[in-house]
């Protein structure tokens, strides 16, 4: 290995690590607020990438029908809840808004010249289609068991992941997809040329990492969201809605996942089932951060990307094993240094 090869591998490692850092932060975000280990986070990545590819190909994506179907079920549950609470003639105010939004998305996807839209509008339309899925999935599958044991939440999360992989196969098919890069420009850095997509990934990742850290560590709303994970009843008594907190964090995690998919789609071909391995590497970074620290999780995910890149040069056959083996020493260290307490009934 010479210096130029090391720089190329380092570029790939930083690019991959930036994406893993985003996923690690979104997994950490959901866990710290809701105690849910979001296994299907990677599916938001593939949904975002494959939806963007469908729009660039000029194909009305079938994802819009999933959005409409989940919206109808969500609104039906809201109406049933209103009936059970004795407010049969008081329509929940968000029901018409959610229905109009879903119908508007269907009309836009069916009537716009999708392939001729500027790339920025294609990305915004992709986010508009994918991001609402997060709060809806929380409403349908996690909200009814929000107060359950973390093991129950983990089982539900695994079930949602399996279901989303199957739905992804139905919506996008078994073929992989790749999108056009944001630009063809590059940055000369000694013997290595950094392509524009790598710079986009790094810039957006840094911006989101800093924003999330400041939001949860410095803002009142971020601290209020974290309080729901510590004591749901206490948060409710202080005027913090655990339901709203759960939906908000799922929306943020879905936004990060879909945006990550849009960013990496020009770099690598993604398939309907590519999300699990990607999110699992982000999970390794979150574990390195102890599922509590955003900066340490981001640094851990960056280390995962670099180790993966250099493993491809020295032992490409075992690169996945090397990456996932990293989790063992950190779990042992956390187990030995953490203070064990009896779990509350």
C-alpha atoms as a PDB file:
ATOM      1  CA  UNK A   1       0.000   0.000   0.000  1.00  0.00           C
ATOM      2  CA  UNK A   2       1.413   3.385  -1.001  1.00  0.00           C
ATOM      3  CA  UNK A   3       0.392   6.867   0.140  1.00  0.00           C
ATOM      4  CA  UNK A   4      -2.006   7.472  -2.766  1.00  0.00           C
ATOM      5  CA  UNK A   5      -3.889   4.225  -2.127  1.00  0.00           C
ATOM      6  CA  UNK A   6      -4.095   5.096   1.562  1.00  0.00           C
ATOM      7  CA  UNK A   7      -5.616   8.484   0.676  1.00  0.00           C
ATOM      8  CA  UNK A   8      -8.174   6.862  -1.629  1.00  0.00           C
ATOM      9  CA  UNK A   9      -9.137   4.349   1.041  1.00  0.00           C
ATOM     10  CA  UNK A  10      -9.311   7.143   3.591  1.00  0.00           C
ATOM     11  CA  UNK A  11     -11.662   9.093   1.316  1.00  0.00           C
ATOM     12  CA  UNK A  12     -13.964   6.078   1.010  1.00  0.00           C
ATOM     13  CA  UNK A  13     -13.755   5.464   4.746  1.00  0.00           C
ATOM     14  CA  UNK A  14     -14.656   9.052   5.644  1.00  0.00           C
ATOM     15  CA  UNK A  15     -17.558   9.047   3.175  1.00  0.00           C
ATOM     16  CA  UNK A  16     -18.956   5.766   4.510  1.00  0.00           C
ATOM     17  CA  UNK A  17     -18.250   6.815   8.073  1.00  0.00           C
ATOM     18  CA  UNK A  18     -20.192  10.051   7.606  1.00  0.00           C
ATOM     19  CA  UNK A  19     -23.264   8.083   6.519  1.00  0.00           C
ATOM     20  CA  UNK A  20     -22.837   5.588   9.359  1.00  0.00           C
ATOM     21  CA  UNK A  21     -22.536   8.548  11.732  1.00  0.00           C
ATOM     22  CA  UNK A  22     -25.880   9.927  10.554  1.00  0.00           C
ATOM     23  CA  UNK A  23     -27.537   6.555  11.073  1.00  0.00           C
ATOM     24  CA  UNK A  24     -25.851   6.123  14.454  1.00  0.00           C
ATOM     25  CA  UNK A  25     -27.182   9.508  15.541  1.00  0.00           C
ATOM     26  CA  UNK A  26     -30.706   8.731  14.363  1.00  0.00           C
ATOM     27  CA  UNK A  27     -30.663   5.359  16.180  1.00  0.00           C
ATOM     28  CA  UNK A  28     -29.332   7.119  19.268  1.00  0.00           C
ATOM     29  CA  UNK A  29     -31.938   9.852  18.898  1.00  0.00           C
ATOM     30  CA  UNK A  30     -34.854   7.426  18.858  1.00  0.00           C
ATOM     31  CA  UNK A  31     -33.446   5.279  21.660  1.00  0.00           C
ATOM     32  CA  UNK A  32     -32.765   8.139  24.066  1.00  0.00           C
ATOM     33  CA  UNK A  33     -36.298   9.492  23.675  1.00  0.00           C
ATOM     34  CA  UNK A  34     -38.467   6.395  23.235  1.00  0.00           C
ATOM     35  CA  UNK A  35     -36.275   3.445  24.410  1.00  0.00           C
ATOM     36  CA  UNK A  36     -36.888   1.889  20.973  1.00  0.00           C
ATOM     37  CA  UNK A  37     -33.911   0.392  19.144  1.00  0.00           C
ATOM     38  CA  UNK A  38     -34.874   1.372  15.605  1.00  0.00           C
ATOM     39  CA  UNK A  39     -33.888  -1.699  13.578  1.00  0.00           C
ATOM     40  CA  UNK A  40     -35.719  -0.518  10.399  1.00  0.00           C
ATOM     41  CA  UNK A  41     -33.684   2.703  10.207  1.00  0.00           C
ATOM     42  CA  UNK A  42     -31.847   1.315   7.184  1.00  0.00           C
ATOM     43  CA  UNK A  43     -35.126   0.859   5.313  1.00  0.00           C
ATOM     44  CA  UNK A  44     -35.641   4.615   5.344  1.00  0.00           C
ATOM     45  CA  UNK A  45     -32.257   4.876   3.623  1.00  0.00           C
ATOM     46  CA  UNK A  46     -33.215   2.468   0.843  1.00  0.00           C
ATOM     47  CA  UNK A  47     -36.700   3.954   0.493  1.00  0.00           C
ATOM     48  CA  UNK A  48     -35.159   7.407   0.045  1.00  0.00           C
ATOM     49  CA  UNK A  49     -32.574   6.225  -2.479  1.00  0.00           C
ATOM     50  CA  UNK A  50     -34.936   4.074  -4.541  1.00  0.00           C
ATOM     51  CA  UNK A  51     -37.665   6.733  -4.534  1.00  0.00           C
ATOM     52  CA  UNK A  52     -35.168   9.318  -5.769  1.00  0.00           C
ATOM     53  CA  UNK A  53     -34.061   6.907  -8.519  1.00  0.00           C
ATOM     54  CA  UNK A  54     -37.683   6.319  -9.563  1.00  0.00           C
ATOM     55  CA  UNK A  55     -38.334  10.057  -9.792  1.00  0.00           C
ATOM     56  CA  UNK A  56     -35.229  10.599 -11.906  1.00  0.00           C
ATOM     57  CA  UNK A  57     -36.399   7.809 -14.209  1.00  0.00           C
ATOM     58  CA  UNK A  58     -39.758   9.558 -14.588  1.00  0.00           C
ATOM     59  CA  UNK A  59     -41.685   6.728 -12.944  1.00  0.00           C
ATOM     60  CA  UNK A  60     -44.562   7.514 -10.563  1.00  0.00           C
ATOM     61  CA  UNK A  61     -43.259   5.767  -7.467  1.00  0.00           C
ATOM     62  CA  UNK A  62     -45.570   3.269  -5.800  1.00  0.00           C
ATOM     63  CA  UNK A  63     -44.420   4.596  -2.428  1.00  0.00           C
ATOM     64  CA  UNK A  64     -47.116   7.247  -2.639  1.00  0.00           C
ATOM     65  CA  UNK A  65     -49.788   4.544  -2.342  1.00  0.00           C
ATOM     66  CA  UNK A  66     -48.112   3.240   0.811  1.00  0.00           C
ATOM     67  CA  UNK A  67     -48.212   6.785   2.188  1.00  0.00           C
ATOM     68  CA  UNK A  68     -51.897   7.088   1.326  1.00  0.00           C
ATOM     69  CA  UNK A  69     -52.751   3.686   2.832  1.00  0.00           C
ATOM     70  CA  UNK A  70     -50.917   4.378   6.099  1.00  0.00           C
ATOM     71  CA  UNK A  71     -52.558   7.804   6.277  1.00  0.00           C
ATOM     72  CA  UNK A  72     -56.028   6.265   5.961  1.00  0.00           C
ATOM     73  CA  UNK A  73     -55.274   3.753   8.716  1.00  0.00           C
ATOM     74  CA  UNK A  74     -53.768   6.496  10.898  1.00  0.00           C
ATOM     75  CA  UNK A  75     -56.818   8.723  10.473  1.00  0.00           C
ATOM     76  CA  UNK A  76     -59.155   5.809  11.138  1.00  0.00           C
ATOM     77  CA  UNK A  77     -57.402   5.148  14.444  1.00  0.00           C
ATOM     78  CA  UNK A  78     -57.716   8.829  15.349  1.00  0.00           C
ATOM     79  CA  UNK A  79     -61.452   8.694  14.671  1.00  0.00           C
ATOM     80  CA  UNK A  80     -61.856   5.502  16.692  1.00  0.00           C
ATOM     81  CA  UNK A  81     -59.974   7.128  19.557  1.00  0.00           C
ATOM     82  CA  UNK A  82     -62.288  10.150  19.397  1.00  0.00           C
ATOM     83  CA  UNK A  83     -65.337   7.876  19.529  1.00  0.00           C
ATOM     84  CA  UNK A  84     -64.010   5.962  22.523  1.00  0.00           C
ATOM     85  CA  UNK A  85     -63.229   9.185  24.386  1.00  0.00           C
ATOM     86  CA  UNK A  86     -66.793  10.399  23.963  1.00  0.00           C
ATOM     87  CA  UNK A  87     -66.028  13.074  21.357  1.00  0.00           C
ATOM     88  CA  UNK A  88     -67.920  11.438  18.527  1.00  0.00           C
ATOM     89  CA  UNK A  89     -68.854  14.757  16.880  1.00  0.00           C
ATOM     90  CA  UNK A  90     -65.472  16.421  17.345  1.00  0.00           C
ATOM     91  CA  UNK A  91     -63.231  15.560  14.410  1.00  0.00           C
ATOM     92  CA  UNK A  92     -59.521  15.546  15.375  1.00  0.00           C
ATOM     93  CA  UNK A  93     -58.073  18.653  13.770  1.00  0.00           C
ATOM     94  CA  UNK A  94     -55.098  16.892  12.181  1.00  0.00           C
ATOM     95  CA  UNK A  95     -57.198  14.312  10.324  1.00  0.00           C
ATOM     96  CA  UNK A  96     -58.198  16.573   7.376  1.00  0.00           C
ATOM     97  CA  UNK A  97     -54.645  17.935   7.139  1.00  0.00           C
ATOM     98  CA  UNK A  98     -53.106  14.451   6.924  1.00  0.00           C
ATOM     99  CA  UNK A  99     -55.653  13.313   4.358  1.00  0.00           C
ATOM    100  CA  UNK A 100     -55.171  16.394   2.190  1.00  0.00           C
ATOM    101  CA  UNK A 101     -51.400  15.982   2.368  1.00  0.00           C
ATOM    102  CA  UNK A 102     -51.523  12.344   1.232  1.00  0.00           C
ATOM    103  CA  UNK A 103     -53.948  13.133  -1.605  1.00  0.00           C
ATOM    104  CA  UNK A 104     -51.767  16.072  -2.682  1.00  0.00           C
ATOM    105  CA  UNK A 105     -48.736  13.779  -2.847  1.00  0.00           C
ATOM    106  CA  UNK A 106     -50.649  11.326  -5.029  1.00  0.00           C
ATOM    107  CA  UNK A 107     -51.692  14.095  -7.412  1.00  0.00           C
ATOM    108  CA  UNK A 108     -48.179  15.533  -7.603  1.00  0.00           C
ATOM    109  CA  UNK A 109     -46.533  12.191  -8.304  1.00  0.00           C
ATOM    110  CA  UNK A 110     -49.119  11.248 -10.916  1.00  0.00           C
ATOM    111  CA  UNK A 111     -49.128  14.573 -12.798  1.00  0.00           C
ATOM    112  CA  UNK A 112     -45.701  16.203 -12.501  1.00  0.00           C
ATOM    113  CA  UNK A 113     -43.018  15.647 -15.172  1.00  0.00           C
ATOM    114  CA  UNK A 114     -40.824  13.902 -12.615  1.00  0.00           C
ATOM    115  CA  UNK A 115     -37.760  13.279 -14.792  1.00  0.00           C
ATOM    116  CA  UNK A 116     -37.637  16.931 -15.890  1.00  0.00           C
ATOM    117  CA  UNK A 117     -37.713  18.410 -12.406  1.00  0.00           C
ATOM    118  CA  UNK A 118     -34.535  20.003 -11.021  1.00  0.00           C
ATOM    119  CA  UNK A 119     -32.613  17.659  -8.779  1.00  0.00           C
ATOM    120  CA  UNK A 120     -33.298  19.817  -5.718  1.00  0.00           C
ATOM    121  CA  UNK A 121     -37.056  19.491  -6.268  1.00  0.00           C
ATOM    122  CA  UNK A 122     -36.711  15.740  -6.805  1.00  0.00           C
ATOM    123  CA  UNK A 123     -34.893  15.483  -3.475  1.00  0.00           C
ATOM    124  CA  UNK A 124     -37.536  17.591  -1.707  1.00  0.00           C
ATOM    125  CA  UNK A 125     -40.331  15.479  -3.204  1.00  0.00           C
ATOM    126  CA  UNK A 126     -38.531  12.322  -2.075  1.00  0.00           C
ATOM    127  CA  UNK A 127     -38.292  13.646   1.473  1.00  0.00           C
ATOM    128  CA  UNK A 128     -41.952  14.725   1.357  1.00  0.00           C
ATOM    129  CA  UNK A 129     -42.925  11.155   0.447  1.00  0.00           C
ATOM    130  CA  UNK A 130     -40.668   9.259   2.858  1.00  0.00           C
ATOM    131  CA  UNK A 131     -40.523  11.395   6.014  1.00  0.00           C
ATOM    132  CA  UNK A 132     -44.246  11.096   6.933  1.00  0.00           C
ATOM    133  CA  UNK A 133     -43.819   7.313   7.072  1.00  0.00           C
ATOM    134  CA  UNK A 134     -41.828   7.632  10.302  1.00  0.00           C
ATOM    135  CA  UNK A 135     -44.555   9.186  12.504  1.00  0.00           C
ATOM    136  CA  UNK A 136     -47.152   6.907  10.909  1.00  0.00           C
ATOM    137  CA  UNK A 137     -45.150   3.774  11.679  1.00  0.00           C
ATOM    138  CA  UNK A 138     -44.702   4.979  15.252  1.00  0.00           C
ATOM    139  CA  UNK A 139     -48.437   5.641  15.531  1.00  0.00           C
ATOM    140  CA  UNK A 140     -49.464   2.260  14.169  1.00  0.00           C
ATOM    141  CA  UNK A 141     -46.910  -0.094  15.700  1.00  0.00           C
ATOM    142  CA  UNK A 142     -45.077   1.519  18.615  1.00  0.00           C
ATOM    143  CA  UNK A 143     -47.484   3.956  20.230  1.00  0.00           C
ATOM    144  CA  UNK A 144     -49.879   1.219  21.467  1.00  0.00           C
ATOM    145  CA  UNK A 145     -46.968  -0.475  23.314  1.00  0.00           C
ATOM    146  CA  UNK A 146     -44.939   2.643  24.162  1.00  0.00           C
ATOM    147  CA  UNK A 147     -44.869   1.824  27.865  1.00  0.00           C
ATOM    148  CA  UNK A 148     -43.922  -1.826  27.407  1.00  0.00           C
ATOM    149  CA  UNK A 149     -40.654  -3.509  28.384  1.00  0.00           C
ATOM    150  CA  UNK A 150     -37.705  -2.628  26.081  1.00  0.00           C
ATOM    151  CA  UNK A 151     -37.547  -6.272  24.971  1.00  0.00           C
ATOM    152  CA  UNK A 152     -41.116  -6.025  23.677  1.00  0.00           C
ATOM    153  CA  UNK A 153     -40.221  -2.823  21.822  1.00  0.00           C
ATOM    154  CA  UNK A 154     -37.207  -4.584  20.290  1.00  0.00           C
ATOM    155  CA  UNK A 155     -39.374  -7.478  19.062  1.00  0.00           C
ATOM    156  CA  UNK A 156     -41.829  -5.024  17.501  1.00  0.00           C
ATOM    157  CA  UNK A 157     -38.926  -3.168  15.883  1.00  0.00           C
ATOM    158  CA  UNK A 158     -37.608  -6.382  14.323  1.00  0.00           C
ATOM    159  CA  UNK A 159     -41.088  -7.247  13.042  1.00  0.00           C
ATOM    160  CA  UNK A 160     -41.442  -3.773  11.470  1.00  0.00           C
ATOM    161  CA  UNK A 161     -38.036  -4.183   9.818  1.00  0.00           C
ATOM    162  CA  UNK A 162     -39.010  -7.530   8.264  1.00  0.00           C
ATOM    163  CA  UNK A 163     -42.321  -6.085   7.062  1.00  0.00           C
ATOM    164  CA  UNK A 164     -40.649  -3.008   5.539  1.00  0.00           C
ATOM    165  CA  UNK A 165     -38.150  -5.168   3.647  1.00  0.00           C
ATOM    166  CA  UNK A 166     -41.038  -7.133   2.116  1.00  0.00           C
ATOM    167  CA  UNK A 167     -42.950  -3.957   1.308  1.00  0.00           C
ATOM    168  CA  UNK A 168     -39.797  -2.526  -0.280  1.00  0.00           C
ATOM    169  CA  UNK A 169     -39.587  -5.548  -2.592  1.00  0.00           C
ATOM    170  CA  UNK A 170     -43.220  -4.992  -3.640  1.00  0.00           C
ATOM    171  CA  UNK A 171     -42.772  -1.262  -4.197  1.00  0.00           C
ATOM    172  CA  UNK A 172     -39.378  -1.115  -5.896  1.00  0.00           C
ATOM    173  CA  UNK A 173     -38.720  -4.625  -7.195  1.00  0.00           C
ATOM    174  CA  UNK A 174     -35.541  -6.711  -6.841  1.00  0.00           C
ATOM    175  CA  UNK A 175     -33.416  -4.552  -9.146  1.00  0.00           C
ATOM    176  CA  UNK A 176     -30.939  -2.131  -7.667  1.00  0.00           C
ATOM    177  CA  UNK A 177     -30.861   1.565  -8.498  1.00  0.00           C
ATOM    178  CA  UNK A 178     -28.411   4.409  -8.612  1.00  0.00           C
ATOM    179  CA  UNK A 179     -29.030   8.125  -9.066  1.00  0.00           C
ATOM    180  CA  UNK A 180     -27.182  10.913 -10.814  1.00  0.00           C
ATOM    181  CA  UNK A 181     -24.574  12.792  -8.744  1.00  0.00           C
ATOM    182  CA  UNK A 182     -25.409  16.279  -7.565  1.00  0.00           C
ATOM    183  CA  UNK A 183     -22.569  17.680  -9.693  1.00  0.00           C
ATOM    184  CA  UNK A 184     -19.584  16.444 -11.689  1.00  0.00           C
ATOM    185  CA  UNK A 185     -17.074  18.825 -10.118  1.00  0.00           C
ATOM    186  CA  UNK A 186     -14.228  17.693  -7.873  1.00  0.00           C
ATOM    187  CA  UNK A 187     -11.661  19.063  -5.478  1.00  0.00           C
ATOM    188  CA  UNK A 188      -7.961  18.445  -6.102  1.00  0.00           C
ATOM    189  CA  UNK A 189      -6.266  17.476  -2.837  1.00  0.00           C
ATOM    190  CA  UNK A 190      -2.706  16.498  -3.639  1.00  0.00           C
ATOM    191  CA  UNK A 191      -2.657  13.229  -5.575  1.00  0.00           C
ATOM    192  CA  UNK A 192      -6.336  12.571  -4.777  1.00  0.00           C
ATOM    193  CA  UNK A 193      -9.418  14.157  -6.332  1.00  0.00           C
ATOM    194  CA  UNK A 194     -12.412  14.362  -4.005  1.00  0.00           C
ATOM    195  CA  UNK A 195     -15.616  14.076  -6.003  1.00  0.00           C
ATOM    196  CA  UNK A 196     -18.472  16.448  -5.279  1.00  0.00           C
ATOM    197  CA  UNK A 197     -20.728  13.765  -3.841  1.00  0.00           C
ATOM    198  CA  UNK A 198     -18.151  12.951  -1.165  1.00  0.00           C
ATOM    199  CA  UNK A 199     -17.999  16.622  -0.213  1.00  0.00           C
ATOM    200  CA  UNK A 200     -21.808  16.774  -0.067  1.00  0.00           C
ATOM    201  CA  UNK A 201     -21.926  13.745   2.221  1.00  0.00           C
ATOM    202  CA  UNK A 202     -19.291  15.136   4.582  1.00  0.00           C
ATOM    203  CA  UNK A 203     -20.788  18.651   4.677  1.00  0.00           C
ATOM    204  CA  UNK A 204     -24.363  17.513   5.305  1.00  0.00           C
ATOM    205  CA  UNK A 205     -23.233  14.962   7.893  1.00  0.00           C
ATOM    206  CA  UNK A 206     -21.253  17.562   9.847  1.00  0.00           C
ATOM    207  CA  UNK A 207     -24.165  19.983   9.731  1.00  0.00           C
ATOM    208  CA  UNK A 208     -26.651  17.423  11.040  1.00  0.00           C
ATOM    209  CA  UNK A 209     -24.289  16.095  13.717  1.00  0.00           C
ATOM    210  CA  UNK A 210     -23.653  19.579  15.100  1.00  0.00           C
ATOM    211  CA  UNK A 211     -27.347  20.495  14.883  1.00  0.00           C
ATOM    212  CA  UNK A 212     -28.466  17.377  16.759  1.00  0.00           C
ATOM    213  CA  UNK A 213     -25.839  17.833  19.453  1.00  0.00           C
ATOM    214  CA  UNK A 214     -26.816  21.467  20.029  1.00  0.00           C
ATOM    215  CA  UNK A 215     -30.531  20.658  19.943  1.00  0.00           C
ATOM    216  CA  UNK A 216     -30.416  17.926  22.574  1.00  0.00           C
ATOM    217  CA  UNK A 217     -27.686  19.359  24.779  1.00  0.00           C
ATOM    218  CA  UNK A 218     -28.474  23.071  24.682  1.00  0.00           C
ATOM    219  CA  UNK A 219     -32.153  23.615  23.826  1.00  0.00           C
ATOM    220  CA  UNK A 220     -35.133  23.329  26.155  1.00  0.00           C
ATOM    221  CA  UNK A 221     -37.132  21.293  23.623  1.00  0.00           C
ATOM    222  CA  UNK A 222     -34.294  18.794  23.186  1.00  0.00           C
ATOM    223  CA  UNK A 223     -34.003  18.277  26.923  1.00  0.00           C
ATOM    224  CA  UNK A 224     -37.779  17.886  27.130  1.00  0.00           C
ATOM    225  CA  UNK A 225     -37.649  15.124  24.514  1.00  0.00           C
ATOM    226  CA  UNK A 226     -34.903  13.316  26.410  1.00  0.00           C
ATOM    227  CA  UNK A 227     -36.916  13.584  29.623  1.00  0.00           C
ATOM    228  CA  UNK A 228     -39.619  11.330  28.184  1.00  0.00           C
ATOM    229  CA  UNK A 229     -37.147   8.426  28.073  1.00  0.00           C
ATOM    230  CA  UNK A 230     -36.165   8.896  31.720  1.00  0.00           C
ATOM    231  CA  UNK A 231     -39.668   9.072  33.159  1.00  0.00           C
ATOM    232  CA  UNK A 232     -42.691   9.019  30.862  1.00  0.00           C
ATOM    233  CA  UNK A 233     -45.153   9.710  33.670  1.00  0.00           C
ATOM    234  CA  UNK A 234     -43.062  12.542  35.071  1.00  0.00           C
ATOM    235  CA  UNK A 235     -42.705  14.059  31.595  1.00  0.00           C
ATOM    236  CA  UNK A 236     -46.454  13.863  31.101  1.00  0.00           C
ATOM    237  CA  UNK A 237     -47.062  15.587  34.448  1.00  0.00           C
ATOM    238  CA  UNK A 238     -44.699  18.374  33.382  1.00  0.00           C
ATOM    239  CA  UNK A 239     -46.705  18.938  30.193  1.00  0.00           C
ATOM    240  CA  UNK A 240     -44.509  16.934  27.814  1.00  0.00           C
ATOM    241  CA  UNK A 241     -46.474  14.609  25.566  1.00  0.00           C
ATOM    242  CA  UNK A 242     -44.648  11.247  25.157  1.00  0.00           C
ATOM    243  CA  UNK A 243     -46.771  10.543  22.086  1.00  0.00           C
ATOM    244  CA  UNK A 244     -45.770  13.785  20.409  1.00  0.00           C
ATOM    245  CA  UNK A 245     -42.145  13.207  21.431  1.00  0.00           C
ATOM    246  CA  UNK A 246     -42.190   9.747  19.851  1.00  0.00           C
ATOM    247  CA  UNK A 247     -43.666  11.013  16.593  1.00  0.00           C
ATOM    248  CA  UNK A 248     -41.225  13.919  16.475  1.00  0.00           C
ATOM    249  CA  UNK A 249     -38.174  11.713  16.972  1.00  0.00           C
ATOM    250  CA  UNK A 250     -39.360   9.183  14.395  1.00  0.00           C
ATOM    251  CA  UNK A 251     -39.890  12.050  11.933  1.00  0.00           C
ATOM    252  CA  UNK A 252     -36.348  13.295  12.576  1.00  0.00           C
ATOM    253  CA  UNK A 253     -34.890   9.787  12.254  1.00  0.00           C
ATOM    254  CA  UNK A 254     -36.799   9.192   9.018  1.00  0.00           C
ATOM    255  CA  UNK A 255     -35.594  12.519   7.642  1.00  0.00           C
ATOM    256  CA  UNK A 256     -31.983  11.601   8.437  1.00  0.00           C
ATOM    257  CA  UNK A 257     -32.400   8.130   6.916  1.00  0.00           C
ATOM    258  CA  UNK A 258     -34.058   9.355   3.708  1.00  0.00           C
ATOM    259  CA  UNK A 259     -31.510  12.157   3.309  1.00  0.00           C
ATOM    260  CA  UNK A 260     -28.692   9.631   3.797  1.00  0.00           C
ATOM    261  CA  UNK A 261     -30.191   7.492   1.047  1.00  0.00           C
ATOM    262  CA  UNK A 262     -30.333  10.482  -1.305  1.00  0.00           C
ATOM    263  CA  UNK A 263     -26.700  11.312  -0.522  1.00  0.00           C
ATOM    264  CA  UNK A 264     -25.244   7.832  -1.074  1.00  0.00           C
ATOM    265  CA  UNK A 265     -27.448   6.783  -4.011  1.00  0.00           C
ATOM    266  CA  UNK A 266     -25.035   8.338  -6.576  1.00  0.00           C
ATOM    267  CA  UNK A 267     -22.082   6.551  -4.926  1.00  0.00           C
ATOM    268  CA  UNK A 268     -23.316   2.969  -4.634  1.00  0.00           C
ATOM    269  CA  UNK A 269     -26.115   0.822  -6.004  1.00  0.00           C
ATOM    270  CA  UNK A 270     -28.788   0.139  -3.400  1.00  0.00           C
ATOM    271  CA  UNK A 271     -31.344  -2.664  -3.342  1.00  0.00           C
ATOM    272  CA  UNK A 272     -34.568  -3.109  -1.407  1.00  0.00           C
ATOM    273  CA  UNK A 273     -32.757  -5.111   1.290  1.00  0.00           C
ATOM    274  CA  UNK A 274     -29.531  -3.075   1.494  1.00  0.00           C
ATOM    275  CA  UNK A 275     -30.649  -1.069   4.487  1.00  0.00           C
ATOM    276  CA  UNK A 276     -30.136  -3.635   7.223  1.00  0.00           C
ATOM    277  CA  UNK A 277     -26.361  -3.967   6.843  1.00  0.00           C
ATOM    278  CA  UNK A 278     -25.965  -0.190   6.513  1.00  0.00           C
ATOM    279  CA  UNK A 279     -27.970   0.522   9.669  1.00  0.00           C
ATOM    280  CA  UNK A 280     -26.170  -2.287  11.516  1.00  0.00           C
ATOM    281  CA  UNK A 281     -22.868  -0.500  10.953  1.00  0.00           C
ATOM    282  CA  UNK A 282     -24.466   2.679  12.251  1.00  0.00           C
ATOM    283  CA  UNK A 283     -25.616   0.668  15.261  1.00  0.00           C
ATOM    284  CA  UNK A 284     -21.994  -0.323  15.941  1.00  0.00           C
ATOM    285  CA  UNK A 285     -21.148   3.378  16.077  1.00  0.00           C
ATOM    286  CA  UNK A 286     -24.070   4.021  18.425  1.00  0.00           C
ATOM    287  CA  UNK A 287     -22.871   1.210  20.716  1.00  0.00           C
ATOM    288  CA  UNK A 288     -19.393   2.726  20.787  1.00  0.00           C
ATOM    289  CA  UNK A 289     -21.112   5.888  22.011  1.00  0.00           C
ATOM    290  CA  UNK A 290     -22.852   3.884  24.708  1.00  0.00           C
ATOM    291  CA  UNK A 291     -26.259   4.837  23.258  1.00  0.00           C
ATOM    292  CA  UNK A 292     -25.963   8.125  25.162  1.00  0.00           C
ATOM    293  CA  UNK A 293     -23.275  10.337  23.578  1.00  0.00           C
ATOM    294  CA  UNK A 294     -23.834  11.922  20.163  1.00  0.00           C
ATOM    295  CA  UNK A 295     -20.217  13.064  19.548  1.00  0.00           C
ATOM    296  CA  UNK A 296     -18.734   9.718  20.617  1.00  0.00           C
ATOM    297  CA  UNK A 297     -21.269   7.834  18.473  1.00  0.00           C
ATOM    298  CA  UNK A 298     -20.328   9.983  15.469  1.00  0.00           C
ATOM    299  CA  UNK A 299     -16.614   9.356  16.048  1.00  0.00           C
ATOM    300  CA  UNK A 300     -17.276   5.633  16.498  1.00  0.00           C
ATOM    301  CA  UNK A 301     -19.209   5.487  13.221  1.00  0.00           C
ATOM    302  CA  UNK A 302     -16.381   7.328  11.462  1.00  0.00           C
ATOM    303  CA  UNK A 303     -13.931   4.755  12.835  1.00  0.00           C
ATOM    304  CA  UNK A 304     -16.200   1.985  11.524  1.00  0.00           C
ATOM    305  CA  UNK A 305     -16.097   3.517   8.039  1.00  0.00           C
ATOM    306  CA  UNK A 306     -12.305   3.815   8.055  1.00  0.00           C
ATOM    307  CA  UNK A 307     -11.786   0.279   9.363  1.00  0.00           C
ATOM    308  CA  UNK A 308     -14.176  -1.061   6.720  1.00  0.00           C
ATOM    309  CA  UNK A 309     -12.350   0.779   3.937  1.00  0.00           C
ATOM    310  CA  UNK A 310      -8.894  -0.438   4.941  1.00  0.00           C
ATOM    311  CA  UNK A 311     -10.234  -3.944   5.586  1.00  0.00           C
ATOM    312  CA  UNK A 312     -11.333  -4.066   1.946  1.00  0.00           C
ATOM    313  CA  UNK A 313      -7.676  -3.675   0.942  1.00  0.00           C
ATOM    314  CA  UNK A 314      -6.105  -6.098   3.390  1.00  0.00           C
ATOM    315  CA  UNK A 315      -8.872  -8.682   3.872  1.00  0.00           C
ATOM    316  CA  UNK A 316     -11.891  -7.890   1.691  1.00  0.00           C
ATOM    317  CA  UNK A 317     -13.474 -11.283   2.360  1.00  0.00           C
ATOM    318  CA  UNK A 318     -13.607 -10.624   6.098  1.00  0.00           C
ATOM    319  CA  UNK A 319     -14.379  -6.907   6.148  1.00  0.00           C
ATOM    320  CA  UNK A 320     -17.925  -7.389   7.493  1.00  0.00           C
ATOM    321  CA  UNK A 321     -16.674  -9.754  10.202  1.00  0.00           C
ATOM    322  CA  UNK A 322     -13.966  -7.282  11.220  1.00  0.00           C
ATOM    323  CA  UNK A 323     -16.451  -4.406  11.444  1.00  0.00           C
ATOM    324  CA  UNK A 324     -19.067  -6.274  13.465  1.00  0.00           C
ATOM    325  CA  UNK A 325     -16.450  -7.795  15.768  1.00  0.00           C
ATOM    326  CA  UNK A 326     -15.711  -4.253  16.945  1.00  0.00           C
ATOM    327  CA  UNK A 327     -18.909  -4.308  18.980  1.00  0.00           C
ATOM    328  CA  UNK A 328     -17.689  -7.077  21.325  1.00  0.00           C
ATOM    329  CA  UNK A 329     -14.892  -5.242  23.201  1.00  0.00           C
ATOM    330  CA  UNK A 330     -17.061  -2.166  23.644  1.00  0.00           C
ATOM    331  CA  UNK A 331     -19.938  -4.231  25.026  1.00  0.00           C
ATOM    332  CA  UNK A 332     -17.551  -5.918  27.445  1.00  0.00           C
ATOM    333  CA  UNK A 333     -16.084  -2.582  28.496  1.00  0.00           C
ATOM    334  CA  UNK A 334     -19.535  -1.054  29.019  1.00  0.00           C
ATOM    335  CA  UNK A 335     -20.613  -4.095  31.008  1.00  0.00           C
ATOM    336  CA  UNK A 336     -17.585  -3.920  33.293  1.00  0.00           C
ATOM    337  CA  UNK A 337     -17.685  -0.150  33.842  1.00  0.00           C
ATOM    338  CA  UNK A 338     -21.445   0.389  34.106  1.00  0.00           C
ATOM    339  CA  UNK A 339     -23.207   0.267  37.445  1.00  0.00           C
ATOM    340  CA  UNK A 340     -25.953  -2.368  37.404  1.00  0.00           C
ATOM    341  CA  UNK A 341     -29.235  -1.504  39.111  1.00  0.00           C
ATOM    342  CA  UNK A 342     -32.398  -3.441  39.655  1.00  0.00           C
ATOM    343  CA  UNK A 343     -34.955  -2.816  36.945  1.00  0.00           C
ATOM    344  CA  UNK A 344     -38.133  -1.053  38.044  1.00  0.00           C
ATOM    345  CA  UNK A 345     -41.325  -3.037  37.894  1.00  0.00           C
END
